[in-house]
Amino acid sequence: RPQRFTLQKLDLRPLVQETAVLLRNSTDIDASHRIDVVQSAEPVIVD
């Protein structure tokens, strides 16, 4: 389907962090997996 954008200024860092939290509690992960997150000190902003 054609994409419909709702553009806004987003800092990518919290989106990555929140995804990591969800993954750590998902059925796709088990005790043999580890998830690390690396972030810039400054915001990473995109439209």
ModelCIF file with pLDDT and N, C-alpha, C, O atoms, coordinates in Angstrom:
data_MODEL
#
_entry.id   MODEL 
#
_entity.id                         1 
_entity.type                       polymer 
_entity.pdbx_number_of_molecules   1 
#
_entity_poly.entity_id                      1 
_entity_poly.type                           'polypeptide(L)' 
_entity_poly.nstd_linkage                   no 
_entity_poly.nstd_monomer                   no 
_entity_poly.pdbx_seq_one_letter_code       RPQRFTLQKLDLRPLVQETAVLLRNSTDIDASHRIDVVQSAEPVIVD 
_entity_poly.pdbx_seq_one_letter_code_can   RPQRFTLQKLDLRPLVQETAVLLRNSTDIDASHRIDVVQSAEPVIVD 
_entity_poly.pdbx_strand_id                 A 
#
loop_
_entity_poly_seq.entity_id 
_entity_poly_seq.num 
_entity_poly_seq.mon_id 
_entity_poly_seq.hetero 
1 1  ARG n 
1 2  PRO n 
1 3  GLN n 
1 4  ARG n 
1 5  PHE n 
1 6  THR n 
1 7  LEU n 
1 8  GLN n 
1 9  LYS n 
1 10 LEU n 
1 11 ASP n 
1 12 LEU n 
1 13 ARG n 
1 14 PRO n 
1 15 LEU n 
1 16 VAL n 
1 17 GLN n 
1 18 GLU n 
1 19 THR n 
1 20 ALA n 
1 21 VAL n 
1 22 LEU n 
1 23 LEU n 
1 24 ARG n 
1 25 ASN n 
1 26 SER n 
1 27 THR n 
1 28 ASP n 
1 29 ILE n 
1 30 ASP n 
1 31 ALA n 
1 32 SER n 
1 33 HIS n 
1 34 ARG n 
1 35 ILE n 
1 36 ASP n 
1 37 VAL n 
1 38 VAL n 
1 39 GLN n 
1 40 SER n 
1 41 ALA n 
1 42 GLU n 
1 43 PRO n 
1 44 VAL n 
1 45 ILE n 
1 46 VAL n 
1 47 ASP n 
#
_struct_asym.id          A 
_struct_asym.entity_id   1 
#
loop_
_ma_qa_metric.id 
_ma_qa_metric.mode 
_ma_qa_metric.name 
_ma_qa_metric.software_group_id 
_ma_qa_metric.type 
1 global pLDDT . pLDDT 
2 local  pLDDT . pLDDT 
#
_ma_qa_metric_global.metric_id      1 
_ma_qa_metric_global.metric_value   87.43 
_ma_qa_metric_global.model_id       1 
_ma_qa_metric_global.ordinal_id     1 
#
loop_
_ma_qa_metric_local.label_asym_id 
_ma_qa_metric_local.label_comp_id 
_ma_qa_metric_local.label_seq_id 
_ma_qa_metric_local.metric_id 
_ma_qa_metric_local.metric_value 
_ma_qa_metric_local.model_id 
_ma_qa_metric_local.ordinal_id 
A ARG 1  2 61.00 1 1  
A PRO 2  2 51.00 1 2  
A GLN 3  2 58.00 1 3  
A ARG 4  2 57.00 1 4  
A PHE 5  2 68.00 1 5  
A THR 6  2 79.00 1 6  
A LEU 7  2 85.00 1 7  
A GLN 8  2 90.00 1 8  
A LYS 9  2 93.00 1 9  
A LEU 10 2 93.00 1 10 
A ASP 11 2 95.00 1 11 
A LEU 12 2 95.00 1 12 
A ARG 13 2 95.00 1 13 
A PRO 14 2 94.00 1 14 
A LEU 15 2 94.00 1 15 
A VAL 16 2 96.00 1 16 
A GLN 17 2 94.00 1 17 
A GLU 18 2 93.00 1 18 
A THR 19 2 92.00 1 19 
A ALA 20 2 93.00 1 20 
A VAL 21 2 92.00 1 21 
A LEU 22 2 89.00 1 22 
A LEU 23 2 90.00 1 23 
A ARG 24 2 90.00 1 24 
A ASN 25 2 85.00 1 25 
A SER 26 2 83.00 1 26 
A THR 27 2 80.00 1 27 
A ASP 28 2 79.00 1 28 
A ILE 29 2 87.00 1 29 
A ASP 30 2 87.00 1 30 
A ALA 31 2 90.00 1 31 
A SER 32 2 93.00 1 32 
A HIS 33 2 95.00 1 33 
A ARG 34 2 95.00 1 34 
A ILE 35 2 96.00 1 35 
A ASP 36 2 96.00 1 36 
A VAL 37 2 96.00 1 37 
A VAL 38 2 92.00 1 38 
A GLN 39 2 90.00 1 39 
A SER 40 2 88.00 1 40 
A ALA 41 2 89.00 1 41 
A GLU 42 2 90.00 1 42 
A PRO 43 2 91.00 1 43 
A VAL 44 2 93.00 1 44 
A ILE 45 2 92.00 1 45 
A VAL 46 2 93.00 1 46 
A ASP 47 2 92.00 1 47 
#
loop_
_atom_site.group_PDB 
_atom_site.id 
_atom_site.type_symbol 
_atom_site.label_atom_id 
_atom_site.label_alt_id 
_atom_site.label_comp_id 
_atom_site.label_asym_id 
_atom_site.label_entity_id 
_atom_site.label_seq_id 
_atom_site.pdbx_PDB_ins_code 
_atom_site.Cartn_x 
_atom_site.Cartn_y 
_atom_site.Cartn_z 
_atom_site.occupancy 
_atom_site.B_iso_or_equiv 
_atom_site.pdbx_formal_charge 
_atom_site.auth_seq_id 
_atom_site.auth_comp_id 
_atom_site.auth_asym_id 
_atom_site.auth_atom_id 
_atom_site.pdbx_PDB_model_num 
ATOM 1   N N  . ARG A 1 1  ? 0.830  -1.211  0.000  1.00 61.00 ? 1  ARG A N  1 
ATOM 2   C CA . ARG A 1 1  ? 0.000  0.000   0.000  1.00 61.00 ? 1  ARG A CA 1 
ATOM 3   C C  . ARG A 1 1  ? 0.863  1.260   0.000  1.00 61.00 ? 1  ARG A C  1 
ATOM 4   O O  . ARG A 1 1  ? 1.964  1.246   0.551  1.00 61.00 ? 1  ARG A O  1 
ATOM 5   N N  . PRO A 1 2  ? 0.391  2.336   -0.600 1.00 51.00 ? 2  PRO A N  1 
ATOM 6   C CA . PRO A 1 2  ? 1.142  3.597   -0.558 1.00 51.00 ? 2  PRO A CA 1 
ATOM 7   C C  . PRO A 1 2  ? 1.349  4.049   0.885  1.00 51.00 ? 2  PRO A C  1 
ATOM 8   O O  . PRO A 1 2  ? 0.455  3.933   1.723  1.00 51.00 ? 2  PRO A O  1 
ATOM 9   N N  . GLN A 1 3  ? 2.541  4.563   1.153  1.00 58.00 ? 3  GLN A N  1 
ATOM 10  C CA . GLN A 1 3  ? 2.873  4.980   2.509  1.00 58.00 ? 3  GLN A CA 1 
ATOM 11  C C  . GLN A 1 3  ? 2.250  6.337   2.831  1.00 58.00 ? 3  GLN A C  1 
ATOM 12  O O  . GLN A 1 3  ? 2.235  7.227   1.981  1.00 58.00 ? 3  GLN A O  1 
ATOM 13  N N  . ARG A 1 4  ? 1.744  6.500   4.032  1.00 57.00 ? 4  ARG A N  1 
ATOM 14  C CA . ARG A 1 4  ? 1.218  7.764   4.500  1.00 57.00 ? 4  ARG A CA 1 
ATOM 15  C C  . ARG A 1 4  ? 2.056  8.221   5.688  1.00 57.00 ? 4  ARG A C  1 
ATOM 16  O O  . ARG A 1 4  ? 2.066  7.574   6.735  1.00 57.00 ? 4  ARG A O  1 
ATOM 17  N N  . PHE A 1 5  ? 2.746  9.320   5.521  1.00 68.00 ? 5  PHE A N  1 
ATOM 18  C CA . PHE A 1 5  ? 3.649  9.797   6.554  1.00 68.00 ? 5  PHE A CA 1 
ATOM 19  C C  . PHE A 1 5  ? 2.942  10.747  7.517  1.00 68.00 ? 5  PHE A C  1 
ATOM 20  O O  . PHE A 1 5  ? 2.128  11.573  7.104  1.00 68.00 ? 5  PHE A O  1 
ATOM 21  N N  . THR A 1 6  ? 3.260  10.622  8.796  1.00 79.00 ? 6  THR A N  1 
ATOM 22  C CA . THR A 1 6  ? 2.936  11.642  9.786  1.00 79.00 ? 6  THR A CA 1 
ATOM 23  C C  . THR A 1 6  ? 4.275  12.135  10.309 1.00 79.00 ? 6  THR A C  1 
ATOM 24  O O  . THR A 1 6  ? 4.777  11.641  11.318 1.00 79.00 ? 6  THR A O  1 
ATOM 25  N N  . LEU A 1 7  ? 4.847  13.105  9.621  1.00 85.00 ? 7  LEU A N  1 
ATOM 26  C CA . LEU A 1 7  ? 6.206  13.521  9.920  1.00 85.00 ? 7  LEU A CA 1 
ATOM 27  C C  . LEU A 1 7  ? 6.275  14.322  11.211 1.00 85.00 ? 7  LEU A C  1 
ATOM 28  O O  . LEU A 1 7  ? 5.421  15.165  11.486 1.00 85.00 ? 7  LEU A O  1 
ATOM 29  N N  . GLN A 1 8  ? 7.287  14.046  11.981 1.00 90.00 ? 8  GLN A N  1 
ATOM 30  C CA . GLN A 1 8  ? 7.583  14.821  13.185 1.00 90.00 ? 8  GLN A CA 1 
ATOM 31  C C  . GLN A 1 8  ? 9.064  14.689  13.469 1.00 90.00 ? 8  GLN A C  1 
ATOM 32  O O  . GLN A 1 8  ? 9.733  13.809  12.929 1.00 90.00 ? 8  GLN A O  1 
ATOM 33  N N  . LYS A 1 9  ? 9.572  15.560  14.314 1.00 93.00 ? 9  LYS A N  1 
ATOM 34  C CA . LYS A 1 9  ? 10.975 15.471  14.677 1.00 93.00 ? 9  LYS A CA 1 
ATOM 35  C C  . LYS A 1 9  ? 11.139 14.414  15.762 1.00 93.00 ? 9  LYS A C  1 
ATOM 36  O O  . LYS A 1 9  ? 10.540 14.502  16.834 1.00 93.00 ? 9  LYS A O  1 
ATOM 37  N N  . LEU A 1 10 ? 11.953 13.424  15.464 1.00 93.00 ? 10 LEU A N  1 
ATOM 38  C CA . LEU A 1 10 ? 12.124 12.281  16.364 1.00 93.00 ? 10 LEU A CA 1 
ATOM 39  C C  . LEU A 1 10 ? 13.583 12.154  16.772 1.00 93.00 ? 10 LEU A C  1 
ATOM 40  O O  . LEU A 1 10 ? 14.487 12.288  15.948 1.00 93.00 ? 10 LEU A O  1 
ATOM 41  N N  . ASP A 1 11 ? 13.799 11.894  18.057 1.00 95.00 ? 11 ASP A N  1 
ATOM 42  C CA . ASP A 1 11 ? 15.114 11.488  18.545 1.00 95.00 ? 11 ASP A CA 1 
ATOM 43  C C  . ASP A 1 11 ? 15.146 9.965   18.470 1.00 95.00 ? 11 ASP A C  1 
ATOM 44  O O  . ASP A 1 11 ? 14.344 9.292   19.118 1.00 95.00 ? 11 ASP A O  1 
ATOM 45  N N  . LEU A 1 12 ? 16.068 9.422   17.684 1.00 95.00 ? 12 LEU A N  1 
ATOM 46  C CA . LEU A 1 12 ? 16.114 7.970   17.485 1.00 95.00 ? 12 LEU A CA 1 
ATOM 47  C C  . LEU A 1 12 ? 16.528 7.214   18.740 1.00 95.00 ? 12 LEU A C  1 
ATOM 48  O O  . LEU A 1 12 ? 16.232 6.025   18.859 1.00 95.00 ? 12 LEU A O  1 
ATOM 49  N N  . ARG A 1 13 ? 17.193 7.859   19.662 1.00 95.00 ? 13 ARG A N  1 
ATOM 50  C CA . ARG A 1 13 ? 17.748 7.152   20.820 1.00 95.00 ? 13 ARG A CA 1 
ATOM 51  C C  . ARG A 1 13 ? 16.680 6.484   21.696 1.00 95.00 ? 13 ARG A C  1 
ATOM 52  O O  . ARG A 1 13 ? 16.821 5.301   22.008 1.00 95.00 ? 13 ARG A O  1 
ATOM 53  N N  . PRO A 1 14 ? 15.610 7.199   22.109 1.00 94.00 ? 14 PRO A N  1 
ATOM 54  C CA . PRO A 1 14 ? 14.607 6.504   22.927 1.00 94.00 ? 14 PRO A CA 1 
ATOM 55  C C  . PRO A 1 14 ? 13.874 5.406   22.171 1.00 94.00 ? 14 PRO A C  1 
ATOM 56  O O  . PRO A 1 14 ? 13.427 4.436   22.785 1.00 94.00 ? 14 PRO A O  1 
ATOM 57  N N  . LEU A 1 15 ? 13.739 5.534   20.846 1.00 94.00 ? 15 LEU A N  1 
ATOM 58  C CA . LEU A 1 15 ? 13.068 4.480   20.074 1.00 94.00 ? 15 LEU A CA 1 
ATOM 59  C C  . LEU A 1 15 ? 13.897 3.198   20.087 1.00 94.00 ? 15 LEU A C  1 
ATOM 60  O O  . LEU A 1 15 ? 13.355 2.098   20.194 1.00 94.00 ? 15 LEU A O  1 
ATOM 61  N N  . VAL A 1 16 ? 15.208 3.350   19.978 1.00 96.00 ? 16 VAL A N  1 
ATOM 62  C CA . VAL A 1 16 ? 16.097 2.181   20.053 1.00 96.00 ? 16 VAL A CA 1 
ATOM 63  C C  . VAL A 1 16 ? 16.053 1.572   21.446 1.00 96.00 ? 16 VAL A C  1 
ATOM 64  O O  . VAL A 1 16 ? 15.987 0.352   21.593 1.00 96.00 ? 16 VAL A O  1 
ATOM 65  N N  . GLN A 1 17 ? 16.090 2.423   22.470 1.00 94.00 ? 17 GLN A N  1 
ATOM 66  C CA . GLN A 1 17 ? 16.074 1.927   23.855 1.00 94.00 ? 17 GLN A CA 1 
ATOM 67  C C  . GLN A 1 17 ? 14.777 1.174   24.152 1.00 94.00 ? 17 GLN A C  1 
ATOM 68  O O  . GLN A 1 17 ? 14.799 0.102   24.758 1.00 94.00 ? 17 GLN A O  1 
ATOM 69  N N  . GLU A 1 18 ? 13.647 1.740   23.721 1.00 93.00 ? 18 GLU A N  1 
ATOM 70  C CA . GLU A 1 18 ? 12.354 1.100   23.978 1.00 93.00 ? 18 GLU A CA 1 
ATOM 71  C C  . GLU A 1 18 ? 12.232 -0.227  23.226 1.00 93.00 ? 18 GLU A C  1 
ATOM 72  O O  . GLU A 1 18 ? 11.659 -1.186  23.742 1.00 93.00 ? 18 GLU A O  1 
ATOM 73  N N  . THR A 1 19 ? 12.770 -0.278  22.010 1.00 92.00 ? 19 THR A N  1 
ATOM 74  C CA . THR A 1 19 ? 12.755 -1.537  21.264 1.00 92.00 ? 19 THR A CA 1 
ATOM 75  C C  . THR A 1 19 ? 13.569 -2.604  21.983 1.00 92.00 ? 19 THR A C  1 
ATOM 76  O O  . THR A 1 19 ? 13.166 -3.766  22.030 1.00 92.00 ? 19 THR A O  1 
ATOM 77  N N  . ALA A 1 20 ? 14.705 -2.219  22.540 1.00 93.00 ? 20 ALA A N  1 
ATOM 78  C CA . ALA A 1 20 ? 15.534 -3.170  23.286 1.00 93.00 ? 20 ALA A CA 1 
ATOM 79  C C  . ALA A 1 20 ? 14.767 -3.734  24.474 1.00 93.00 ? 20 ALA A C  1 
ATOM 80  O O  . ALA A 1 20 ? 14.842 -4.932  24.746 1.00 93.00 ? 20 ALA A O  1 
ATOM 81  N N  . VAL A 1 21 ? 14.031 -2.887  25.185 1.00 92.00 ? 21 VAL A N  1 
ATOM 82  C CA . VAL A 1 21 ? 13.239 -3.348  26.329 1.00 92.00 ? 21 VAL A CA 1 
ATOM 83  C C  . VAL A 1 21 ? 12.185 -4.347  25.873 1.00 92.00 ? 21 VAL A C  1 
ATOM 84  O O  . VAL A 1 21 ? 11.997 -5.387  26.506 1.00 92.00 ? 21 VAL A O  1 
ATOM 85  N N  . LEU A 1 22 ? 11.498 -4.037  24.780 1.00 89.00 ? 22 LEU A N  1 
ATOM 86  C CA . LEU A 1 22 ? 10.476 -4.956  24.267 1.00 89.00 ? 22 LEU A CA 1 
ATOM 87  C C  . LEU A 1 22 ? 11.082 -6.288  23.852 1.00 89.00 ? 22 LEU A C  1 
ATOM 88  O O  . LEU A 1 22 ? 10.517 -7.346  24.126 1.00 89.00 ? 22 LEU A O  1 
ATOM 89  N N  . LEU A 1 23 ? 12.226 -6.233  23.196 1.00 90.00 ? 23 LEU A N  1 
ATOM 90  C CA . LEU A 1 23 ? 12.865 -7.465  22.737 1.00 90.00 ? 23 LEU A CA 1 
ATOM 91  C C  . LEU A 1 23 ? 13.301 -8.344  23.903 1.00 90.00 ? 23 LEU A C  1 
ATOM 92  O O  . LEU A 1 23 ? 13.183 -9.567  23.841 1.00 90.00 ? 23 LEU A O  1 
ATOM 93  N N  . ARG A 1 24 ? 13.805 -7.720  24.969 1.00 90.00 ? 24 ARG A N  1 
ATOM 94  C CA . ARG A 1 24 ? 14.256 -8.493  26.128 1.00 90.00 ? 24 ARG A CA 1 
ATOM 95  C C  . ARG A 1 24 ? 13.106 -9.245  26.801 1.00 90.00 ? 24 ARG A C  1 
ATOM 96  O O  . ARG A 1 24 ? 13.330 -10.189 27.559 1.00 90.00 ? 24 ARG A O  1 
ATOM 97  N N  . ASN A 1 25 ? 11.885 -8.819  26.518 1.00 85.00 ? 25 ASN A N  1 
ATOM 98  C CA . ASN A 1 25 ? 10.711 -9.467  27.105 1.00 85.00 ? 25 ASN A CA 1 
ATOM 99  C C  . ASN A 1 25 ? 9.853  -10.177 26.055 1.00 85.00 ? 25 ASN A C  1 
ATOM 100 O O  . ASN A 1 25 ? 8.688  -10.483 26.304 1.00 85.00 ? 25 ASN A O  1 
ATOM 101 N N  . SER A 1 26 ? 10.431 -10.436 24.888 1.00 83.00 ? 26 SER A N  1 
ATOM 102 C CA . SER A 1 26 ? 9.677  -11.069 23.803 1.00 83.00 ? 26 SER A CA 1 
ATOM 103 C C  . SER A 1 26 ? 9.976  -12.559 23.724 1.00 83.00 ? 26 SER A C  1 
ATOM 104 O O  . SER A 1 26 ? 10.886 -13.056 24.388 1.00 83.00 ? 26 SER A O  1 
ATOM 105 N N  . THR A 1 27 ? 9.204  -13.262 22.910 1.00 80.00 ? 27 THR A N  1 
ATOM 106 C CA . THR A 1 27 ? 9.407  -14.701 22.713 1.00 80.00 ? 27 THR A CA 1 
ATOM 107 C C  . THR A 1 27 ? 10.556 -14.980 21.753 1.00 80.00 ? 27 THR A C  1 
ATOM 108 O O  . THR A 1 27 ? 10.940 -16.136 21.575 1.00 80.00 ? 27 THR A O  1 
ATOM 109 N N  . ASP A 1 28 ? 11.117 -13.934 21.127 1.00 79.00 ? 28 ASP A N  1 
ATOM 110 C CA . ASP A 1 28 ? 12.225 -14.135 20.186 1.00 79.00 ? 28 ASP A CA 1 
ATOM 111 C C  . ASP A 1 28 ? 13.564 -14.279 20.900 1.00 79.00 ? 28 ASP A C  1 
ATOM 112 O O  . ASP A 1 28 ? 14.572 -14.584 20.262 1.00 79.00 ? 28 ASP A O  1 
ATOM 113 N N  . ILE A 1 29 ? 13.590 -14.065 22.211 1.00 87.00 ? 29 ILE A N  1 
ATOM 114 C CA . ILE A 1 29 ? 14.866 -14.079 22.930 1.00 87.00 ? 29 ILE A CA 1 
ATOM 115 C C  . ILE A 1 29 ? 14.858 -15.173 23.991 1.00 87.00 ? 29 ILE A C  1 
ATOM 116 O O  . ILE A 1 29 ? 13.810 -15.512 24.540 1.00 87.00 ? 29 ILE A O  1 
ATOM 117 N N  . ASP A 1 30 ? 16.038 -15.721 24.274 1.00 87.00 ? 30 ASP A N  1 
ATOM 118 C CA . ASP A 1 30 ? 16.161 -16.673 25.380 1.00 87.00 ? 30 ASP A CA 1 
ATOM 119 C C  . ASP A 1 30 ? 17.431 -16.363 26.160 1.00 87.00 ? 30 ASP A C  1 
ATOM 120 O O  . ASP A 1 30 ? 18.090 -15.355 25.908 1.00 87.00 ? 30 ASP A O  1 
ATOM 121 N N  . ALA A 1 31 ? 17.769 -17.222 27.097 1.00 90.00 ? 31 ALA A N  1 
ATOM 122 C CA . ALA A 1 31 ? 18.886 -16.934 28.002 1.00 90.00 ? 31 ALA A CA 1 
ATOM 123 C C  . ALA A 1 31 ? 20.230 -16.851 27.285 1.00 90.00 ? 31 ALA A C  1 
ATOM 124 O O  . ALA A 1 31 ? 21.180 -16.291 27.832 1.00 90.00 ? 31 ALA A O  1 
ATOM 125 N N  . SER A 1 32 ? 20.331 -17.391 26.083 1.00 93.00 ? 32 SER A N  1 
ATOM 126 C CA . SER A 1 32 ? 21.597 -17.364 25.346 1.00 93.00 ? 32 SER A CA 1 
ATOM 127 C C  . SER A 1 32 ? 21.806 -16.064 24.577 1.00 93.00 ? 32 SER A C  1 
ATOM 128 O O  . SER A 1 32 ? 22.864 -15.856 23.984 1.00 93.00 ? 32 SER A O  1 
ATOM 129 N N  . HIS A 1 33 ? 20.801 -15.189 24.586 1.00 95.00 ? 33 HIS A N  1 
ATOM 130 C CA . HIS A 1 33 ? 20.895 -13.921 23.869 1.00 95.00 ? 33 HIS A CA 1 
ATOM 131 C C  . HIS A 1 33 ? 21.171 -12.771 24.832 1.00 95.00 ? 33 HIS A C  1 
ATOM 132 O O  . HIS A 1 33 ? 20.801 -12.799 26.006 1.00 95.00 ? 33 HIS A O  1 
ATOM 133 N N  . ARG A 1 34 ? 21.840 -11.758 24.281 1.00 95.00 ? 34 ARG A N  1 
ATOM 134 C CA . ARG A 1 34 ? 22.079 -10.523 25.019 1.00 95.00 ? 34 ARG A CA 1 
ATOM 135 C C  . ARG A 1 34 ? 21.829 -9.355  24.072 1.00 95.00 ? 34 ARG A C  1 
ATOM 136 O O  . ARG A 1 34 ? 22.163 -9.434  22.889 1.00 95.00 ? 34 ARG A O  1 
ATOM 137 N N  . ILE A 1 35 ? 21.247 -8.277  24.580 1.00 96.00 ? 35 ILE A N  1 
ATOM 138 C CA . ILE A 1 35 ? 20.975 -7.096  23.768 1.00 96.00 ? 35 ILE A CA 1 
ATOM 139 C C  . ILE A 1 35 ? 21.683 -5.897  24.390 1.00 96.00 ? 35 ILE A C  1 
ATOM 140 O O  . ILE A 1 35 ? 21.418 -5.530  25.535 1.00 96.00 ? 35 ILE A O  1 
ATOM 141 N N  . ASP A 1 36 ? 22.585 -5.292  23.621 1.00 96.00 ? 36 ASP A N  1 
ATOM 142 C CA . ASP A 1 36 ? 23.303 -4.100  24.058 1.00 96.00 ? 36 ASP A CA 1 
ATOM 143 C C  . ASP A 1 36 ? 22.824 -2.893  23.251 1.00 96.00 ? 36 ASP A C  1 
ATOM 144 O O  . ASP A 1 36 ? 22.445 -3.027  22.088 1.00 96.00 ? 36 ASP A O  1 
ATOM 145 N N  . VAL A 1 37 ? 22.845 -1.723  23.872 1.00 96.00 ? 37 VAL A N  1 
ATOM 146 C CA . VAL A 1 37 ? 22.435 -0.490  23.207 1.00 96.00 ? 37 VAL A CA 1 
ATOM 147 C C  . VAL A 1 37 ? 23.567 0.527   23.288 1.00 96.00 ? 37 VAL A C  1 
ATOM 148 O O  . VAL A 1 37 ? 24.160 0.732   24.347 1.00 96.00 ? 37 VAL A O  1 
ATOM 149 N N  . VAL A 1 38 ? 23.857 1.162   22.151 1.00 92.00 ? 38 VAL A N  1 
ATOM 150 C CA . VAL A 1 38 ? 24.876 2.210   22.071 1.00 92.00 ? 38 VAL A CA 1 
ATOM 151 C C  . VAL A 1 38 ? 24.181 3.493   21.626 1.00 92.00 ? 38 VAL A C  1 
ATOM 152 O O  . VAL A 1 38 ? 23.443 3.491   20.641 1.00 92.00 ? 38 VAL A O  1 
ATOM 153 N N  . GLN A 1 39 ? 24.416 4.598   22.355 1.00 90.00 ? 39 GLN A N  1 
ATOM 154 C CA . GLN A 1 39 ? 23.738 5.851   22.042 1.00 90.00 ? 39 GLN A CA 1 
ATOM 155 C C  . GLN A 1 39 ? 24.736 7.000   21.969 1.00 90.00 ? 39 GLN A C  1 
ATOM 156 O O  . GLN A 1 39 ? 25.726 7.032   22.699 1.00 90.00 ? 39 GLN A O  1 
ATOM 157 N N  . SER A 1 40 ? 24.453 7.941   21.072 1.00 88.00 ? 40 SER A N  1 
ATOM 158 C CA . SER A 1 40 ? 25.192 9.200   21.081 1.00 88.00 ? 40 SER A CA 1 
ATOM 159 C C  . SER A 1 40 ? 24.807 9.994   22.323 1.00 88.00 ? 40 SER A C  1 
ATOM 160 O O  . SER A 1 40 ? 23.703 9.847   22.848 1.00 88.00 ? 40 SER A O  1 
ATOM 161 N N  . ALA A 1 41 ? 25.727 10.838  22.788 1.00 89.00 ? 41 ALA A N  1 
ATOM 162 C CA . ALA A 1 41 ? 25.411 11.690  23.931 1.00 89.00 ? 41 ALA A CA 1 
ATOM 163 C C  . ALA A 1 41 ? 24.384 12.744  23.549 1.00 89.00 ? 41 ALA A C  1 
ATOM 164 O O  . ALA A 1 41 ? 23.543 13.119  24.366 1.00 89.00 ? 41 ALA A O  1 
ATOM 165 N N  . GLU A 1 42 ? 24.448 13.232  22.295 1.00 90.00 ? 42 GLU A N  1 
ATOM 166 C CA . GLU A 1 42 ? 23.521 14.259  21.841 1.00 90.00 ? 42 GLU A CA 1 
ATOM 167 C C  . GLU A 1 42 ? 22.339 13.614  21.105 1.00 90.00 ? 42 GLU A C  1 
ATOM 168 O O  . GLU A 1 42 ? 22.445 12.477  20.646 1.00 90.00 ? 42 GLU A O  1 
ATOM 169 N N  . PRO A 1 43 ? 21.215 14.332  20.991 1.00 91.00 ? 43 PRO A N  1 
ATOM 170 C CA . PRO A 1 43 ? 20.055 13.782  20.277 1.00 91.00 ? 43 PRO A CA 1 
ATOM 171 C C  . PRO A 1 43 ? 20.398 13.431  18.834 1.00 91.00 ? 43 PRO A C  1 
ATOM 172 O O  . PRO A 1 43 ? 21.263 14.051  18.216 1.00 91.00 ? 43 PRO A O  1 
ATOM 173 N N  . VAL A 1 44 ? 19.699 12.422  18.311 1.00 93.00 ? 44 VAL A N  1 
ATOM 174 C CA . VAL A 1 44 ? 19.844 12.009  16.914 1.00 93.00 ? 44 VAL A CA 1 
ATOM 175 C C  . VAL A 1 44 ? 18.481 12.260  16.271 1.00 93.00 ? 44 VAL A C  1 
ATOM 176 O O  . VAL A 1 44 ? 17.602 11.398  16.304 1.00 93.00 ? 44 VAL A O  1 
ATOM 177 N N  . ILE A 1 45 ? 18.313 13.447  15.685 1.00 92.00 ? 45 ILE A N  1 
ATOM 178 C CA . ILE A 1 45 ? 17.002 13.912  15.263 1.00 92.00 ? 45 ILE A CA 1 
ATOM 179 C C  . ILE A 1 45 ? 16.786 13.715  13.766 1.00 92.00 ? 45 ILE A C  1 
ATOM 180 O O  . ILE A 1 45 ? 17.640 14.071  12.954 1.00 92.00 ? 45 ILE A O  1 
ATOM 181 N N  . VAL A 1 46 ? 15.637 13.145  13.410 1.00 93.00 ? 46 VAL A N  1 
ATOM 182 C CA . VAL A 1 46 ? 15.237 13.001  12.011 1.00 93.00 ? 46 VAL A CA 1 
ATOM 183 C C  . VAL A 1 46 ? 13.785 13.448  11.862 1.00 93.00 ? 46 VAL A C  1 
ATOM 184 O O  . VAL A 1 46 ? 13.025 13.461  12.830 1.00 93.00 ? 46 VAL A O  1 
ATOM 185 N N  . ASP A 1 47 ? 13.412 13.814  10.635 1.00 92.00 ? 47 ASP A N  1 
ATOM 186 C CA . ASP A 1 47 ? 12.014 14.076  10.298 1.00 92.00 ? 47 ASP A CA 1 
ATOM 187 C C  . ASP A 1 47 ? 11.426 12.778  9.776  1.00 92.00 ? 47 ASP A C  1 
ATOM 188 O O  . ASP A 1 47 ? 10.248 12.733  9.420  1.00 92.00 ? 47 ASP A O  1 
#
